[in-house]
Every structure is written in C-alpha cells, then in structure tokens.
Amino acid sequence: MGSLHIDTPRSAERQRREPRRATPRRVVPVANLAEFFRENLHGALERQRLEVETHTEHYVVNLLTLFARSEALYERSPDGLRLKPLVAMLAEALEAPSLTDRHRGLQRLGDVSLFMAGFFAGSFARKLIDIDYHIAMGGGAYRSLAEALARGRGHVLAQVFAELSEKFQPLVDTLNDVSEQSREHTDEDILRLYEIWLKTGSRRSYRLLRRLGVSPAPAAGTPQ
C-alpha cells in the first residue's frame, strides 16, 4: 500500500473544522466555444509541458467542442440520454458490418474515453470502473485505429491517432487541467488525486499533491 505524508501541519482549530468545500465556479460567457477550448487547451499543454503535433491539438479542440453538447456525447434510449458502457462500444466496433463502421466505432470509443477521463475523473471514485480503465480502453482504441489507417490513405489521421494513443495519459492530465482551472481542492479531492497518481502515475497529480503540501509515497510497482 502507498502512504500519504502531509508536510504542512494542521492546527487544532482547523482539525475541528469541517472539510473545505470547493468554491462555486464563476460562469463566464463564451462567444466562441472552439476558441475558448483552443486557448485553454494550449495553456494546459504548456503547463503540463506536453508537446503534441498541431493536427493532434486541433483534433482534441474539435472533440471538446463537439462533446460540449450533451446530445453528441450521450446516446438516446427509451430511458432518455445515456452513455453506453465502453465495453459495449468496443464490442459494437469489433462486430461492425463494414470497415468504415469499425473505424467509426473505435474512434468514438477513444473520444469518449478521453473526454470522460479528462473531465470527469473525480466522478469515478468508489466505482468499479475507474480512470485507468478509461485510459486503457481509449488508448487501445486509438492504437488499433492508427494501425488500421496507416495501411490505407488516411496516413495523416493515422499519425494523429497514434499520438493520441501514445500520449493518452498525459492528455488526460491536460484535460484535467482544463477542467479544474480556478477550482479550490477539498480534502476529498486531495485523496482522489493521490488515488489517481497511484493508479496511473499521473505527473500532474503528483505535482498538485506536492504543491498542496502532500508527499506521496508510491506503492510497489507504481509508475513514477
């Protein structure tokens, strides 16, 4: 098991207080959603010291802009809008009647996995399926897609999907950064950051923990 060591001692008064609650986010009007994501993604890439090709950065911006609309992310069902399980998406892609449908299914699996892991990492806590599962499924889908397209005419897209697969976990960190700007971390958030670091080796989570006065100790086999 890993362990947490808090460098900054808490006073007795603070220990008696309830855990901090995150400050509500201020709603900022946005005239151009794509430009908003472009600027925020570019800044997050710089903060995470992650370099990606221009085509890859454009792809992620378009993905964020698309999934900002719930009807693009979720699928309609008799019970309303819902998100299909990743394993069901994979099965549908593998059993698709045509190569085009197979590629489309793998792309959606990769896109949904990246978006959910990047923007909803906190919601996976205490669930059977966690962020590392999304990273594995999404990275694998993009890798299969890159290998398939490299054999045809889609070599530019193949390079994009290859980079998305290779840098999937750092890109999840980057989207976490986009999502959490101006957000105050609660005690529960700190524990979640530690859990994500243990499971994925996230460099961003490690840096945030250190910045918050937490010195994380790795469990056996934890990537660093």
Protein backbone atom coordinates (compact mmCIF):
# COMPACT_ATOMS: atom_id res chain seq x y z
CA MET A 1 0.00 0.00 0.00
CA GLY A 2 1.17 3.56 -0.60
CA SER A 3 1.07 6.20 2.09
CA LEU A 4 0.43 9.91 2.39
CA HIS A 5 2.54 12.32 4.42
CA ILE A 6 1.29 15.87 4.95
CA ASP A 7 4.23 18.25 5.19
CA THR A 8 2.23 21.21 6.45
CA PRO A 9 0.78 20.56 9.96
CA ARG A 10 -2.84 21.42 10.60
CA SER A 11 -3.73 23.43 13.65
CA ALA A 12 -6.16 22.03 16.22
CA GLU A 13 -8.69 24.63 15.18
CA ARG A 14 -8.56 23.52 11.55
CA GLN A 15 -8.84 19.86 12.53
CA ARG A 16 -12.12 20.66 14.30
CA ARG A 17 -13.49 22.35 11.23
CA GLU A 18 -15.45 20.56 8.56
CA PRO A 19 -13.58 19.66 5.33
CA ARG A 20 -13.22 22.54 2.93
CA ARG A 21 -15.82 22.85 0.23
CA ALA A 22 -14.89 23.86 -3.26
CA THR A 23 -15.74 27.43 -4.17
CA PRO A 24 -18.54 27.52 -6.78
CA ARG A 25 -17.18 28.29 -10.22
CA ARG A 26 -17.98 31.63 -11.78
CA VAL A 27 -19.93 31.30 -15.01
CA VAL A 28 -18.09 33.08 -17.82
CA PRO A 29 -19.94 33.85 -21.05
CA VAL A 30 -18.16 32.42 -24.10
CA ALA A 31 -18.79 33.79 -27.59
CA ASN A 32 -16.82 31.13 -29.49
CA LEU A 33 -16.66 27.70 -27.86
CA ALA A 34 -13.96 26.34 -30.16
CA GLU A 35 -11.74 29.36 -29.50
CA PHE A 36 -12.36 29.02 -25.77
CA PHE A 37 -11.19 25.38 -25.80
CA ARG A 38 -8.28 26.19 -28.11
CA GLU A 39 -6.91 28.82 -25.74
CA ASN A 40 -7.49 26.75 -22.61
CA LEU A 41 -6.06 23.56 -24.12
CA HIS A 42 -2.97 25.38 -25.39
CA GLY A 43 -2.36 26.86 -21.95
CA ALA A 44 -2.85 23.50 -20.26
CA LEU A 45 -0.42 21.80 -22.67
CA GLU A 46 2.20 24.40 -21.76
CA ARG A 47 1.60 23.95 -18.03
CA GLN A 48 1.83 20.17 -18.38
CA ARG A 49 4.96 20.52 -20.56
CA LEU A 50 3.33 18.27 -23.13
CA GLU A 51 4.09 18.72 -26.82
CA VAL A 52 1.70 17.42 -29.45
CA GLU A 53 1.51 17.93 -33.20
CA THR A 54 -0.71 20.73 -34.49
CA HIS A 55 -3.13 18.26 -36.11
CA THR A 56 -3.49 16.43 -32.79
CA GLU A 57 -4.16 19.64 -30.88
CA HIS A 58 -6.83 20.61 -33.42
CA TYR A 59 -8.41 17.18 -33.12
CA VAL A 60 -8.72 17.49 -29.34
CA VAL A 61 -10.16 21.01 -29.62
CA ASN A 62 -12.80 19.73 -32.05
CA LEU A 63 -13.55 16.81 -29.73
CA LEU A 64 -14.10 19.14 -26.75
CA THR A 65 -16.27 21.48 -28.82
CA LEU A 66 -18.38 18.57 -30.07
CA PHE A 67 -18.89 16.94 -26.67
CA ALA A 68 -19.80 20.25 -25.06
CA ARG A 69 -23.24 19.39 -26.48
CA SER A 70 -24.78 16.59 -24.44
CA GLU A 71 -26.60 15.12 -27.44
CA ALA A 72 -23.22 14.47 -29.10
CA LEU A 73 -21.76 12.73 -26.07
CA TYR A 74 -24.77 10.74 -24.91
CA GLU A 75 -26.98 8.41 -26.94
CA ARG A 76 -30.76 8.35 -26.98
CA SER A 77 -32.53 5.40 -25.38
CA PRO A 78 -36.09 4.67 -24.18
CA ASP A 79 -34.96 5.97 -20.77
CA GLY A 80 -33.54 9.18 -22.20
CA LEU A 81 -29.95 10.21 -22.92
CA ARG A 82 -27.38 7.73 -21.66
CA LEU A 83 -23.71 6.91 -22.11
CA LYS A 84 -23.12 3.43 -23.48
CA PRO A 85 -20.58 1.35 -21.50
CA LEU A 86 -17.11 1.32 -23.05
CA VAL A 87 -17.08 -2.47 -23.36
CA ALA A 88 -20.33 -2.28 -25.36
CA MET A 89 -18.77 0.33 -27.67
CA LEU A 90 -15.77 -1.96 -28.21
CA ALA A 91 -17.98 -4.96 -28.95
CA GLU A 92 -20.02 -2.97 -31.48
CA ALA A 93 -16.85 -1.73 -33.19
CA LEU A 94 -15.35 -5.22 -33.44
CA GLU A 95 -18.62 -6.67 -34.76
CA ALA A 96 -19.34 -3.80 -37.18
CA PRO A 97 -20.61 -4.88 -40.61
CA SER A 98 -18.10 -2.72 -42.50
CA LEU A 99 -14.56 -1.41 -42.08
CA THR A 100 -15.88 2.16 -42.07
CA ASP A 101 -18.28 1.36 -39.22
CA ARG A 102 -15.50 -0.41 -37.32
CA HIS A 103 -13.24 2.64 -37.60
CA ARG A 104 -16.06 4.97 -36.59
CA GLY A 105 -16.79 2.81 -33.54
CA LEU A 106 -13.14 2.70 -32.45
CA GLN A 107 -12.88 6.47 -32.88
CA ARG A 108 -15.93 7.09 -30.71
CA LEU A 109 -14.59 4.71 -28.06
CA GLY A 110 -11.30 6.61 -27.97
CA ASP A 111 -13.00 10.02 -28.00
CA VAL A 112 -15.49 9.22 -25.23
CA SER A 113 -12.79 7.60 -23.07
CA LEU A 114 -10.51 10.63 -23.40
CA PHE A 115 -13.28 13.13 -22.70
CA MET A 116 -14.69 11.26 -19.70
CA ALA A 117 -11.27 10.59 -18.13
CA GLY A 118 -10.24 14.19 -18.75
CA PHE A 119 -13.34 15.96 -17.43
CA PHE A 120 -14.98 13.50 -15.03
CA ALA A 121 -12.05 11.79 -13.30
CA GLY A 122 -13.44 12.75 -9.89
CA SER A 123 -16.76 11.03 -10.57
CA PHE A 124 -15.08 7.61 -10.92
CA ALA A 125 -14.09 7.48 -7.24
CA ARG A 126 -15.51 4.47 -5.39
CA LYS A 127 -16.77 2.95 -8.65
CA LEU A 128 -15.73 -0.40 -10.09
CA ILE A 129 -14.62 1.22 -13.36
CA ASP A 130 -12.01 3.91 -12.75
CA ILE A 131 -9.86 6.28 -14.75
CA ASP A 132 -7.19 3.66 -15.53
CA TYR A 133 -9.84 1.55 -17.30
CA HIS A 134 -10.79 4.52 -19.49
CA ILE A 135 -7.11 5.15 -20.27
CA ALA A 136 -6.58 1.52 -21.29
CA MET A 137 -9.74 1.32 -23.41
CA GLY A 138 -9.29 4.69 -25.11
CA GLY A 139 -5.58 4.28 -25.74
CA GLY A 140 -6.15 0.81 -27.18
CA ALA A 141 -8.94 2.04 -29.47
CA TYR A 142 -6.80 4.87 -30.86
CA ARG A 143 -3.86 2.48 -31.33
CA SER A 144 -5.96 -0.02 -33.31
CA LEU A 145 -7.35 2.82 -35.40
CA ALA A 146 -3.87 4.20 -36.12
CA GLU A 147 -2.60 0.80 -37.23
CA ALA A 148 -5.61 0.26 -39.50
CA LEU A 149 -5.44 3.69 -41.15
CA ALA A 150 -1.68 3.53 -41.64
CA ARG A 151 -2.26 0.79 -44.21
CA GLY A 152 -4.59 2.98 -46.29
CA ARG A 153 -4.88 6.57 -47.45
CA GLY A 154 -5.54 8.07 -44.04
CA HIS A 155 -1.88 8.40 -43.02
CA VAL A 156 -2.38 11.92 -41.55
CA LEU A 157 -5.22 10.75 -39.31
CA ALA A 158 -3.20 7.63 -38.51
CA GLN A 159 -0.44 9.86 -37.13
CA VAL A 160 -2.98 11.78 -35.04
CA PHE A 161 -4.48 8.62 -33.57
CA ALA A 162 -1.01 7.15 -32.96
CA GLU A 163 -0.03 10.24 -30.94
CA LEU A 164 -3.34 10.21 -29.06
CA SER A 165 -2.69 6.58 -28.12
CA GLU A 166 0.95 7.13 -27.14
CA LYS A 167 0.19 10.24 -25.04
CA PHE A 168 -3.27 9.29 -23.80
CA GLN A 169 -2.48 9.51 -20.08
CA PRO A 170 -0.62 12.87 -20.31
CA LEU A 171 -3.51 14.19 -22.41
CA VAL A 172 -5.91 13.10 -19.67
CA ASP A 173 -3.77 15.15 -17.27
CA THR A 174 -4.01 18.09 -19.66
CA LEU A 175 -7.80 17.90 -19.85
CA ASN A 176 -7.94 17.57 -16.05
CA ASP A 177 -6.01 20.84 -16.01
CA VAL A 178 -8.50 22.49 -18.40
CA SER A 179 -11.39 21.25 -16.26
CA GLU A 180 -10.02 22.28 -12.88
CA GLN A 181 -8.70 25.78 -13.52
CA SER A 182 -9.77 28.18 -10.72
CA ARG A 183 -11.01 25.30 -8.62
CA GLU A 184 -10.12 25.01 -4.95
CA HIS A 185 -9.21 21.47 -3.90
CA THR A 186 -11.13 19.93 -0.99
CA ASP A 187 -9.69 17.25 1.31
CA GLU A 188 -11.65 14.66 -0.67
CA ASP A 189 -10.08 15.98 -3.90
CA ILE A 190 -6.61 15.51 -2.40
CA LEU A 191 -7.32 11.86 -1.61
CA ARG A 192 -8.65 11.40 -5.13
CA LEU A 193 -5.52 12.97 -6.63
CA TYR A 194 -3.43 10.50 -4.64
CA GLU A 195 -5.56 7.60 -5.84
CA ILE A 196 -5.20 8.69 -9.48
CA TRP A 197 -1.45 9.04 -9.04
CA LEU A 198 -1.21 5.52 -7.60
CA LYS A 199 -3.25 4.01 -10.44
CA THR A 200 -1.87 5.91 -13.43
CA GLY A 201 1.41 7.52 -12.39
CA SER A 202 -0.07 10.91 -13.36
CA ARG A 203 2.70 13.51 -13.19
CA ARG A 204 0.13 16.27 -12.89
CA SER A 205 -1.47 14.64 -9.84
CA TYR A 206 1.96 14.24 -8.26
CA ARG A 207 2.85 17.90 -8.81
CA LEU A 208 -0.51 19.04 -7.42
CA LEU A 209 -0.10 16.88 -4.35
CA ARG A 210 3.36 18.34 -3.70
CA ARG A 211 2.00 21.86 -4.22
CA LEU A 212 -0.78 21.14 -1.71
CA GLY A 213 1.74 20.00 0.92
CA VAL A 214 1.34 16.27 0.34
CA SER A 215 4.35 14.00 -0.07
CA PRO A 216 3.04 10.84 -1.79
CA ALA A 217 4.86 7.56 -1.23
CA PRO A 218 4.49 5.00 -4.03
CA ALA A 219 3.06 1.54 -3.63
CA ALA A 220 5.09 -1.31 -5.06
CA GLY A 221 5.04 -1.15 -8.84
CA THR A 222 3.55 2.34 -9.03
CA PRO A 223 4.87 4.20 -12.13
CA GLN A 224 6.79 7.38 -11.30
